[in-house]
């Protein structure tokens, strides 16, 4: 094999298929292996045919150790506990680990960061699309310019099988708004409202999560001021944008020293 050898975690899911298609189409990268949790219906299938491609000769397995042997990188859109465990494995042998998993607790995020400090080259992001990362930069600048006189509300919608809310992208945009204002998101975040909630607290950042159908991902950041409103929106039309971004991140991380990075680092967008 030539190029960067990538192991696809969660290869039996929709993002797993998108990743297989993105890696197969990209230069300088190779699908080294593909794996899933034990019991997944995709185990034993060729990763290429599962993704709608010609057979690639890479069989989806549940043997993680065998899948990682000889790999240079892991691309991982799975579940928080699985991503933590994979990050710790990556640290032991210095692998690149690209993580698109959302719904991590602060403790799980800390464990992933520690794996970067321990020897892995980790890129973790709530969203790997170029458009969303540019949007986050715009949100940060708008929040800084408009200040707390403009209320911030973040509305997101995803397909009916998504299990975490708000989405990782919505939280990423919330962090951008908070950074623009120089505040901590955790202490200013407001989730779904129900009942008699009282007036909106000045300076808070609100979130609303919608679920339905097959929506890939819609995100709108609303800045609502006195008699005017600014809305910044991104709509994802295909999972390919996330998969292509993850492949780009893996290639970039291969040339970096051990550490924890974000997609903003990959794109050179700054903090």
C-alpha atoms as a PDB file:
ATOM      1  CA  UNK A   1       0.000   0.000   0.000  1.00  0.00           C
ATOM      2  CA  UNK A   2       1.066   3.603  -0.607  1.00  0.00           C
ATOM      3  CA  UNK A   3       0.135   6.885   1.034  1.00  0.00           C
ATOM      4  CA  UNK A   4      -1.451   7.376   4.431  1.00  0.00           C
ATOM      5  CA  UNK A   5      -3.038   4.128   5.626  1.00  0.00           C
ATOM      6  CA  UNK A   6      -6.372   4.945   7.253  1.00  0.00           C
ATOM      7  CA  UNK A   7      -8.508   2.724   9.469  1.00  0.00           C
ATOM      8  CA  UNK A   8     -12.221   3.599   9.379  1.00  0.00           C
ATOM      9  CA  UNK A   9     -13.964   3.270  12.738  1.00  0.00           C
ATOM     10  CA  UNK A  10     -17.720   2.766  12.587  1.00  0.00           C
ATOM     11  CA  UNK A  11     -17.412   1.539   9.011  1.00  0.00           C
ATOM     12  CA  UNK A  12     -20.901   0.025   9.058  1.00  0.00           C
ATOM     13  CA  UNK A  13     -22.696   3.343   9.509  1.00  0.00           C
ATOM     14  CA  UNK A  14     -23.721   6.129   7.143  1.00  0.00           C
ATOM     15  CA  UNK A  15     -20.646   8.186   7.963  1.00  0.00           C
ATOM     16  CA  UNK A  16     -18.513   5.059   7.608  1.00  0.00           C
ATOM     17  CA  UNK A  17     -19.753   4.659   4.052  1.00  0.00           C
ATOM     18  CA  UNK A  18     -19.171   8.345   3.315  1.00  0.00           C
ATOM     19  CA  UNK A  19     -15.624   8.055   4.665  1.00  0.00           C
ATOM     20  CA  UNK A  20     -14.901   5.018   2.510  1.00  0.00           C
ATOM     21  CA  UNK A  21     -16.056   6.907  -0.585  1.00  0.00           C
ATOM     22  CA  UNK A  22     -14.014   9.994   0.346  1.00  0.00           C
ATOM     23  CA  UNK A  23     -10.824   8.038   1.036  1.00  0.00           C
ATOM     24  CA  UNK A  24     -11.201   5.958  -2.128  1.00  0.00           C
ATOM     25  CA  UNK A  25     -11.526   9.150  -4.201  1.00  0.00           C
ATOM     26  CA  UNK A  26      -8.674  11.090  -2.541  1.00  0.00           C
ATOM     27  CA  UNK A  27      -5.002  11.143  -3.468  1.00  0.00           C
ATOM     28  CA  UNK A  28      -2.322  10.100  -1.007  1.00  0.00           C
ATOM     29  CA  UNK A  29      -4.575   8.047   1.266  1.00  0.00           C
ATOM     30  CA  UNK A  30      -5.569   4.379   1.357  1.00  0.00           C
ATOM     31  CA  UNK A  31      -8.272   2.460   3.207  1.00  0.00           C
ATOM     32  CA  UNK A  32      -6.107   0.206   5.353  1.00  0.00           C
ATOM     33  CA  UNK A  33      -8.902  -1.377   7.365  1.00  0.00           C
ATOM     34  CA  UNK A  34     -12.501  -0.914   8.484  1.00  0.00           C
ATOM     35  CA  UNK A  35     -14.034  -1.982  11.769  1.00  0.00           C
ATOM     36  CA  UNK A  36     -17.267  -1.969  13.729  1.00  0.00           C
ATOM     37  CA  UNK A  37     -18.584  -2.938  17.131  1.00  0.00           C
ATOM     38  CA  UNK A  38     -19.282  -6.635  17.642  1.00  0.00           C
ATOM     39  CA  UNK A  39     -22.699  -7.647  16.324  1.00  0.00           C
ATOM     40  CA  UNK A  40     -22.970  -4.971  13.638  1.00  0.00           C
ATOM     41  CA  UNK A  41     -24.644  -6.314  10.501  1.00  0.00           C
ATOM     42  CA  UNK A  42     -21.869  -4.928   8.260  1.00  0.00           C
ATOM     43  CA  UNK A  43     -19.171  -7.186   9.738  1.00  0.00           C
ATOM     44  CA  UNK A  44     -17.816  -9.512   7.079  1.00  0.00           C
ATOM     45  CA  UNK A  45     -18.803  -7.245   4.194  1.00  0.00           C
ATOM     46  CA  UNK A  46     -16.327  -5.547   1.889  1.00  0.00           C
ATOM     47  CA  UNK A  47     -15.976  -1.878   2.884  1.00  0.00           C
ATOM     48  CA  UNK A  48     -16.142  -0.857  -0.752  1.00  0.00           C
ATOM     49  CA  UNK A  49     -19.335  -2.675  -1.653  1.00  0.00           C
ATOM     50  CA  UNK A  50     -20.929  -1.506   1.615  1.00  0.00           C
ATOM     51  CA  UNK A  51     -20.215   2.081   0.519  1.00  0.00           C
ATOM     52  CA  UNK A  52     -21.583   1.487  -2.984  1.00  0.00           C
ATOM     53  CA  UNK A  53     -18.155   1.159  -4.621  1.00  0.00           C
ATOM     54  CA  UNK A  54     -16.347  -1.653  -6.356  1.00  0.00           C
ATOM     55  CA  UNK A  55     -14.871  -4.219  -3.916  1.00  0.00           C
ATOM     56  CA  UNK A  56     -11.754  -2.873  -2.198  1.00  0.00           C
ATOM     57  CA  UNK A  57     -10.535  -6.091  -0.622  1.00  0.00           C
ATOM     58  CA  UNK A  58     -10.986  -4.581   2.858  1.00  0.00           C
ATOM     59  CA  UNK A  59     -13.403  -6.604   4.992  1.00  0.00           C
ATOM     60  CA  UNK A  60     -15.207  -4.896   7.862  1.00  0.00           C
ATOM     61  CA  UNK A  61     -14.159  -6.575  11.094  1.00  0.00           C
ATOM     62  CA  UNK A  62     -14.759  -6.332  14.838  1.00  0.00           C
ATOM     63  CA  UNK A  63     -11.104  -7.140  15.606  1.00  0.00           C
ATOM     64  CA  UNK A  64      -9.835  -3.668  16.494  1.00  0.00           C
ATOM     65  CA  UNK A  65      -6.270  -4.755  17.236  1.00  0.00           C
ATOM     66  CA  UNK A  66      -5.947  -6.393  13.821  1.00  0.00           C
ATOM     67  CA  UNK A  67      -7.553  -3.372  12.147  1.00  0.00           C
ATOM     68  CA  UNK A  68      -5.085  -0.947  13.707  1.00  0.00           C
ATOM     69  CA  UNK A  69      -1.978  -3.039  13.049  1.00  0.00           C
ATOM     70  CA  UNK A  70      -0.041  -1.209  10.347  1.00  0.00           C
ATOM     71  CA  UNK A  71      -2.413   1.747  10.194  1.00  0.00           C
ATOM     72  CA  UNK A  72      -1.155   5.346  10.187  1.00  0.00           C
ATOM     73  CA  UNK A  73      -4.446   6.988  11.089  1.00  0.00           C
ATOM     74  CA  UNK A  74      -7.938   6.371  12.460  1.00  0.00           C
ATOM     75  CA  UNK A  75     -10.946   8.330  11.251  1.00  0.00           C
ATOM     76  CA  UNK A  76     -13.673   8.044  13.826  1.00  0.00           C
ATOM     77  CA  UNK A  77     -17.315   9.190  13.831  1.00  0.00           C
ATOM     78  CA  UNK A  78     -18.615   6.743  16.438  1.00  0.00           C
ATOM     79  CA  UNK A  79     -19.626   7.173  20.085  1.00  0.00           C
ATOM     80  CA  UNK A  80     -17.950   9.018  22.970  1.00  0.00           C
ATOM     81  CA  UNK A  81     -16.739   5.996  24.956  1.00  0.00           C
ATOM     82  CA  UNK A  82     -15.416   4.330  21.805  1.00  0.00           C
ATOM     83  CA  UNK A  83     -13.581   7.498  20.748  1.00  0.00           C
ATOM     84  CA  UNK A  84     -11.911   7.820  24.147  1.00  0.00           C
ATOM     85  CA  UNK A  85     -10.716   4.214  23.981  1.00  0.00           C
ATOM     86  CA  UNK A  86      -9.424   4.671  20.432  1.00  0.00           C
ATOM     87  CA  UNK A  87      -7.627   7.895  21.395  1.00  0.00           C
ATOM     88  CA  UNK A  88      -5.841   6.040  24.172  1.00  0.00           C
ATOM     89  CA  UNK A  89      -4.810   3.303  21.720  1.00  0.00           C
ATOM     90  CA  UNK A  90      -3.635   5.957  19.255  1.00  0.00           C
ATOM     91  CA  UNK A  91      -1.484   7.562  21.939  1.00  0.00           C
ATOM     92  CA  UNK A  92       0.363   4.333  22.619  1.00  0.00           C
ATOM     93  CA  UNK A  93       1.659   4.022  19.054  1.00  0.00           C
ATOM     94  CA  UNK A  94       1.576   7.636  17.868  1.00  0.00           C
ATOM     95  CA  UNK A  95      -1.297   7.376  15.385  1.00  0.00           C
ATOM     96  CA  UNK A  96      -3.210  10.204  13.786  1.00  0.00           C
ATOM     97  CA  UNK A  97      -6.764  10.156  15.184  1.00  0.00           C
ATOM     98  CA  UNK A  98      -9.442  12.271  13.503  1.00  0.00           C
ATOM     99  CA  UNK A  99     -12.556  12.454  15.672  1.00  0.00           C
ATOM    100  CA  UNK A 100     -15.957  13.663  14.493  1.00  0.00           C
ATOM    101  CA  UNK A 101     -17.822  12.061  17.399  1.00  0.00           C
ATOM    102  CA  UNK A 102     -20.223  14.383  19.216  1.00  0.00           C
ATOM    103  CA  UNK A 103     -21.956  14.186  22.598  1.00  0.00           C
ATOM    104  CA  UNK A 104     -18.767  13.820  24.673  1.00  0.00           C
ATOM    105  CA  UNK A 105     -18.868  14.810  28.319  1.00  0.00           C
ATOM    106  CA  UNK A 106     -16.268  17.273  29.655  1.00  0.00           C
ATOM    107  CA  UNK A 107     -14.481  14.303  31.229  1.00  0.00           C
ATOM    108  CA  UNK A 108     -14.387  12.440  27.911  1.00  0.00           C
ATOM    109  CA  UNK A 109     -13.122  15.522  26.098  1.00  0.00           C
ATOM    110  CA  UNK A 110     -10.392  15.867  28.727  1.00  0.00           C
ATOM    111  CA  UNK A 111      -9.373  12.228  28.237  1.00  0.00           C
ATOM    112  CA  UNK A 112      -9.112  12.769  24.476  1.00  0.00           C
ATOM    113  CA  UNK A 113      -6.961  15.864  24.992  1.00  0.00           C
ATOM    114  CA  UNK A 114      -4.721  13.885  27.330  1.00  0.00           C
ATOM    115  CA  UNK A 115      -4.247  11.264  24.604  1.00  0.00           C
ATOM    116  CA  UNK A 116      -2.939  14.026  22.348  1.00  0.00           C
ATOM    117  CA  UNK A 117      -0.470  15.071  25.014  1.00  0.00           C
ATOM    118  CA  UNK A 118       0.538  11.423  25.462  1.00  0.00           C
ATOM    119  CA  UNK A 119       1.584  10.841  21.868  1.00  0.00           C
ATOM    120  CA  UNK A 120      -1.393  10.798  19.489  1.00  0.00           C
ATOM    121  CA  UNK A 121      -1.966  13.433  16.814  1.00  0.00           C
ATOM    122  CA  UNK A 122      -5.620  14.197  17.389  1.00  0.00           C
ATOM    123  CA  UNK A 123      -7.908  16.426  15.357  1.00  0.00           C
ATOM    124  CA  UNK A 124     -11.350  16.716  16.948  1.00  0.00           C
ATOM    125  CA  UNK A 125     -14.134  18.927  15.703  1.00  0.00           C
ATOM    126  CA  UNK A 126     -17.879  19.251  16.056  1.00  0.00           C
ATOM    127  CA  UNK A 127     -17.950  19.648  12.281  1.00  0.00           C
ATOM    128  CA  UNK A 128     -15.373  19.020   9.549  1.00  0.00           C
ATOM    129  CA  UNK A 129     -16.929  21.066   6.750  1.00  0.00           C
ATOM    130  CA  UNK A 130     -15.131  24.148   5.470  1.00  0.00           C
ATOM    131  CA  UNK A 131     -18.372  26.125   5.468  1.00  0.00           C
ATOM    132  CA  UNK A 132     -19.206  25.493   9.119  1.00  0.00           C
ATOM    133  CA  UNK A 133     -15.702  26.366  10.264  1.00  0.00           C
ATOM    134  CA  UNK A 134     -15.857  29.621   8.330  1.00  0.00           C
ATOM    135  CA  UNK A 135     -19.292  30.216   9.858  1.00  0.00           C
ATOM    136  CA  UNK A 136     -17.833  29.790  13.347  1.00  0.00           C
ATOM    137  CA  UNK A 137     -15.285  32.489  12.577  1.00  0.00           C
ATOM    138  CA  UNK A 138     -18.054  34.832  11.404  1.00  0.00           C
ATOM    139  CA  UNK A 139     -20.103  34.103  14.524  1.00  0.00           C
ATOM    140  CA  UNK A 140     -17.155  34.952  16.763  1.00  0.00           C
ATOM    141  CA  UNK A 141     -16.576  38.262  14.981  1.00  0.00           C
ATOM    142  CA  UNK A 142     -20.276  39.160  14.979  1.00  0.00           C
ATOM    143  CA  UNK A 143     -20.644  38.374  18.686  1.00  0.00           C
ATOM    144  CA  UNK A 144     -17.657  40.561  19.505  1.00  0.00           C
ATOM    145  CA  UNK A 145     -18.949  43.457  17.399  1.00  0.00           C
ATOM    146  CA  UNK A 146     -22.594  43.320  18.495  1.00  0.00           C
ATOM    147  CA  UNK A 147     -22.092  42.656  22.207  1.00  0.00           C
ATOM    148  CA  UNK A 148     -24.737  41.572  24.732  1.00  0.00           C
ATOM    149  CA  UNK A 149     -27.347  44.018  23.405  1.00  0.00           C
ATOM    150  CA  UNK A 150     -28.020  41.387  20.751  1.00  0.00           C
ATOM    151  CA  UNK A 151     -29.541  38.134  21.995  1.00  0.00           C
ATOM    152  CA  UNK A 152     -27.943  34.981  20.568  1.00  0.00           C
ATOM    153  CA  UNK A 153     -30.064  31.954  19.685  1.00  0.00           C
ATOM    154  CA  UNK A 154     -28.740  28.854  17.907  1.00  0.00           C
ATOM    155  CA  UNK A 155     -31.249  26.650  16.085  1.00  0.00           C
ATOM    156  CA  UNK A 156     -30.231  23.302  14.606  1.00  0.00           C
ATOM    157  CA  UNK A 157     -32.055  20.481  12.849  1.00  0.00           C
ATOM    158  CA  UNK A 158     -30.887  16.933  12.142  1.00  0.00           C
ATOM    159  CA  UNK A 159     -32.306  13.596  11.013  1.00  0.00           C
ATOM    160  CA  UNK A 160     -34.518  11.580  13.318  1.00  0.00           C
ATOM    161  CA  UNK A 161     -31.783   9.072  14.249  1.00  0.00           C
ATOM    162  CA  UNK A 162     -29.389  11.561  15.831  1.00  0.00           C
ATOM    163  CA  UNK A 163     -29.003  10.754  19.519  1.00  0.00           C
ATOM    164  CA  UNK A 164     -27.363  13.855  21.052  1.00  0.00           C
ATOM    165  CA  UNK A 165     -28.687  17.396  21.384  1.00  0.00           C
ATOM    166  CA  UNK A 166     -27.672  20.123  20.902  1.00  0.00           C
ATOM    167  CA  UNK A 167     -25.485  18.944  18.052  1.00  0.00           C
ATOM    168  CA  UNK A 168     -21.724  19.163  18.284  1.00  0.00           C
ATOM    169  CA  UNK A 169     -21.845  21.826  15.584  1.00  0.00           C
ATOM    170  CA  UNK A 170     -24.372  23.906  17.531  1.00  0.00           C
ATOM    171  CA  UNK A 171     -22.144  23.747  20.597  1.00  0.00           C
ATOM    172  CA  UNK A 172     -19.146  24.680  18.458  1.00  0.00           C
ATOM    173  CA  UNK A 173     -21.042  27.747  17.233  1.00  0.00           C
ATOM    174  CA  UNK A 174     -22.062  28.549  20.802  1.00  0.00           C
ATOM    175  CA  UNK A 175     -18.429  28.399  21.866  1.00  0.00           C
ATOM    176  CA  UNK A 176     -17.572  30.774  19.012  1.00  0.00           C
ATOM    177  CA  UNK A 177     -20.230  33.262  20.158  1.00  0.00           C
ATOM    178  CA  UNK A 178     -19.055  33.001  23.756  1.00  0.00           C
ATOM    179  CA  UNK A 179     -15.427  33.503  22.733  1.00  0.00           C
ATOM    180  CA  UNK A 180     -16.412  36.592  20.784  1.00  0.00           C
ATOM    181  CA  UNK A 181     -18.012  38.020  23.897  1.00  0.00           C
ATOM    182  CA  UNK A 182     -15.211  36.902  26.198  1.00  0.00           C
ATOM    183  CA  UNK A 183     -17.513  34.759  28.338  1.00  0.00           C
ATOM    184  CA  UNK A 184     -17.799  31.105  29.337  1.00  0.00           C
ATOM    185  CA  UNK A 185     -20.452  29.189  27.413  1.00  0.00           C
ATOM    186  CA  UNK A 186     -21.231  26.740  30.218  1.00  0.00           C
ATOM    187  CA  UNK A 187     -22.430  29.497  32.560  1.00  0.00           C
ATOM    188  CA  UNK A 188     -24.410  31.361  29.881  1.00  0.00           C
ATOM    189  CA  UNK A 189     -25.986  28.455  27.992  1.00  0.00           C
ATOM    190  CA  UNK A 190     -29.773  28.032  27.968  1.00  0.00           C
ATOM    191  CA  UNK A 191     -31.334  24.830  26.614  1.00  0.00           C
ATOM    192  CA  UNK A 192     -34.876  24.062  25.500  1.00  0.00           C
ATOM    193  CA  UNK A 193     -37.505  26.286  27.103  1.00  0.00           C
ATOM    194  CA  UNK A 194     -40.805  25.004  28.432  1.00  0.00           C
ATOM    195  CA  UNK A 195     -43.476  26.496  30.662  1.00  0.00           C
ATOM    196  CA  UNK A 196     -43.258  29.873  32.373  1.00  0.00           C
ATOM    197  CA  UNK A 197     -39.562  30.633  32.002  1.00  0.00           C
ATOM    198  CA  UNK A 198     -39.614  34.336  32.764  1.00  0.00           C
ATOM    199  CA  UNK A 199     -37.921  36.978  30.612  1.00  0.00           C
ATOM    200  CA  UNK A 200     -34.775  36.100  28.712  1.00  0.00           C
ATOM    201  CA  UNK A 201     -31.599  36.701  30.706  1.00  0.00           C
ATOM    202  CA  UNK A 202     -29.378  39.320  29.104  1.00  0.00           C
ATOM    203  CA  UNK A 203     -26.170  37.859  27.719  1.00  0.00           C
ATOM    204  CA  UNK A 204     -27.383  34.256  27.593  1.00  0.00           C
ATOM    205  CA  UNK A 205     -26.870  32.008  24.560  1.00  0.00           C
ATOM    206  CA  UNK A 206     -29.899  29.907  23.715  1.00  0.00           C
ATOM    207  CA  UNK A 207     -30.117  26.557  21.917  1.00  0.00           C
ATOM    208  CA  UNK A 208     -33.026  24.828  20.185  1.00  0.00           C
ATOM    209  CA  UNK A 209     -32.741  21.346  18.660  1.00  0.00           C
ATOM    210  CA  UNK A 210     -35.124  20.017  16.007  1.00  0.00           C
ATOM    211  CA  UNK A 211     -35.199  16.391  14.809  1.00  0.00           C
ATOM    212  CA  UNK A 212     -36.942  14.866  11.834  1.00  0.00           C
ATOM    213  CA  UNK A 213     -36.704  13.051   8.537  1.00  0.00           C
ATOM    214  CA  UNK A 214     -33.341  12.723   6.828  1.00  0.00           C
ATOM    215  CA  UNK A 215     -31.934  16.213   7.407  1.00  0.00           C
ATOM    216  CA  UNK A 216     -28.125  16.030   7.246  1.00  0.00           C
ATOM    217  CA  UNK A 217     -27.605  19.173   9.304  1.00  0.00           C
ATOM    218  CA  UNK A 218     -28.981  22.737   9.360  1.00  0.00           C
ATOM    219  CA  UNK A 219     -27.608  25.399  11.710  1.00  0.00           C
ATOM    220  CA  UNK A 220     -28.666  29.014  12.157  1.00  0.00           C
ATOM    221  CA  UNK A 221     -27.169  31.529  14.572  1.00  0.00           C
ATOM    222  CA  UNK A 222     -29.576  34.381  15.256  1.00  0.00           C
ATOM    223  CA  UNK A 223     -28.414  37.751  16.610  1.00  0.00           C
ATOM    224  CA  UNK A 224     -31.634  39.505  17.681  1.00  0.00           C
ATOM    225  CA  UNK A 225     -31.343  43.180  18.591  1.00  0.00           C
ATOM    226  CA  UNK A 226     -33.726  46.108  19.022  1.00  0.00           C
ATOM    227  CA  UNK A 227     -35.765  46.275  15.788  1.00  0.00           C
ATOM    228  CA  UNK A 228     -33.255  44.261  13.754  1.00  0.00           C
ATOM    229  CA  UNK A 229     -32.048  40.693  13.391  1.00  0.00           C
ATOM    230  CA  UNK A 230     -29.031  39.031  11.768  1.00  0.00           C
ATOM    231  CA  UNK A 231     -29.147  35.338  10.844  1.00  0.00           C
ATOM    232  CA  UNK A 232     -26.112  33.297   9.796  1.00  0.00           C
ATOM    233  CA  UNK A 233     -27.033  29.895   8.340  1.00  0.00           C
ATOM    234  CA  UNK A 234     -25.289  26.783   7.075  1.00  0.00           C
ATOM    235  CA  UNK A 235     -27.104  23.836   5.491  1.00  0.00           C
ATOM    236  CA  UNK A 236     -25.327  20.564   4.863  1.00  0.00           C
ATOM    237  CA  UNK A 237     -26.689  18.708   1.841  1.00  0.00           C
ATOM    238  CA  UNK A 238     -24.428  15.648   1.965  1.00  0.00           C
ATOM    239  CA  UNK A 239     -22.279  13.806   4.490  1.00  0.00           C
ATOM    240  CA  UNK A 240     -19.528  13.973   1.888  1.00  0.00           C
ATOM    241  CA  UNK A 241     -18.551  17.435   3.133  1.00  0.00           C
ATOM    242  CA  UNK A 242     -17.761  16.001   6.570  1.00  0.00           C
ATOM    243  CA  UNK A 243     -15.940  12.982   5.154  1.00  0.00           C
ATOM    244  CA  UNK A 244     -13.834  15.083   2.783  1.00  0.00           C
ATOM    245  CA  UNK A 245     -12.910  17.421   5.632  1.00  0.00           C
ATOM    246  CA  UNK A 246     -11.920  14.490   7.829  1.00  0.00           C
ATOM    247  CA  UNK A 247      -9.619  13.124   5.115  1.00  0.00           C
ATOM    248  CA  UNK A 248      -8.054  16.560   4.753  1.00  0.00           C
ATOM    249  CA  UNK A 249      -7.549  16.673   8.519  1.00  0.00           C
ATOM    250  CA  UNK A 250      -5.863  13.249   8.534  1.00  0.00           C
ATOM    251  CA  UNK A 251      -3.394  14.269   5.834  1.00  0.00           C
ATOM    252  CA  UNK A 252      -2.628  17.514   7.662  1.00  0.00           C
ATOM    253  CA  UNK A 253      -2.177  15.834  11.049  1.00  0.00           C
ATOM    254  CA  UNK A 254       0.278  13.313   9.593  1.00  0.00           C
ATOM    255  CA  UNK A 255       2.785  16.154   9.314  1.00  0.00           C
ATOM    256  CA  UNK A 256       2.277  17.505  12.833  1.00  0.00           C
ATOM    257  CA  UNK A 257       3.797  16.688  16.183  1.00  0.00           C
ATOM    258  CA  UNK A 258       1.764  14.930  18.869  1.00  0.00           C
ATOM    259  CA  UNK A 259      -0.976  17.112  20.279  1.00  0.00           C
ATOM    260  CA  UNK A 260      -4.644  18.101  20.202  1.00  0.00           C
ATOM    261  CA  UNK A 261      -5.902  20.115  17.230  1.00  0.00           C
ATOM    262  CA  UNK A 262      -9.178  21.349  15.760  1.00  0.00           C
ATOM    263  CA  UNK A 263     -10.392  21.850  12.205  1.00  0.00           C
ATOM    264  CA  UNK A 264      -9.606  25.556  12.588  1.00  0.00           C
ATOM    265  CA  UNK A 265      -5.941  24.532  12.935  1.00  0.00           C
ATOM    266  CA  UNK A 266      -6.187  22.381   9.796  1.00  0.00           C
ATOM    267  CA  UNK A 267      -7.690  25.244   7.805  1.00  0.00           C
ATOM    268  CA  UNK A 268      -5.378  27.895   9.269  1.00  0.00           C
ATOM    269  CA  UNK A 269      -8.306  29.907  10.576  1.00  0.00           C
ATOM    270  CA  UNK A 270      -6.729  30.759  13.918  1.00  0.00           C
ATOM    271  CA  UNK A 271      -8.322  30.587  17.341  1.00  0.00           C
END
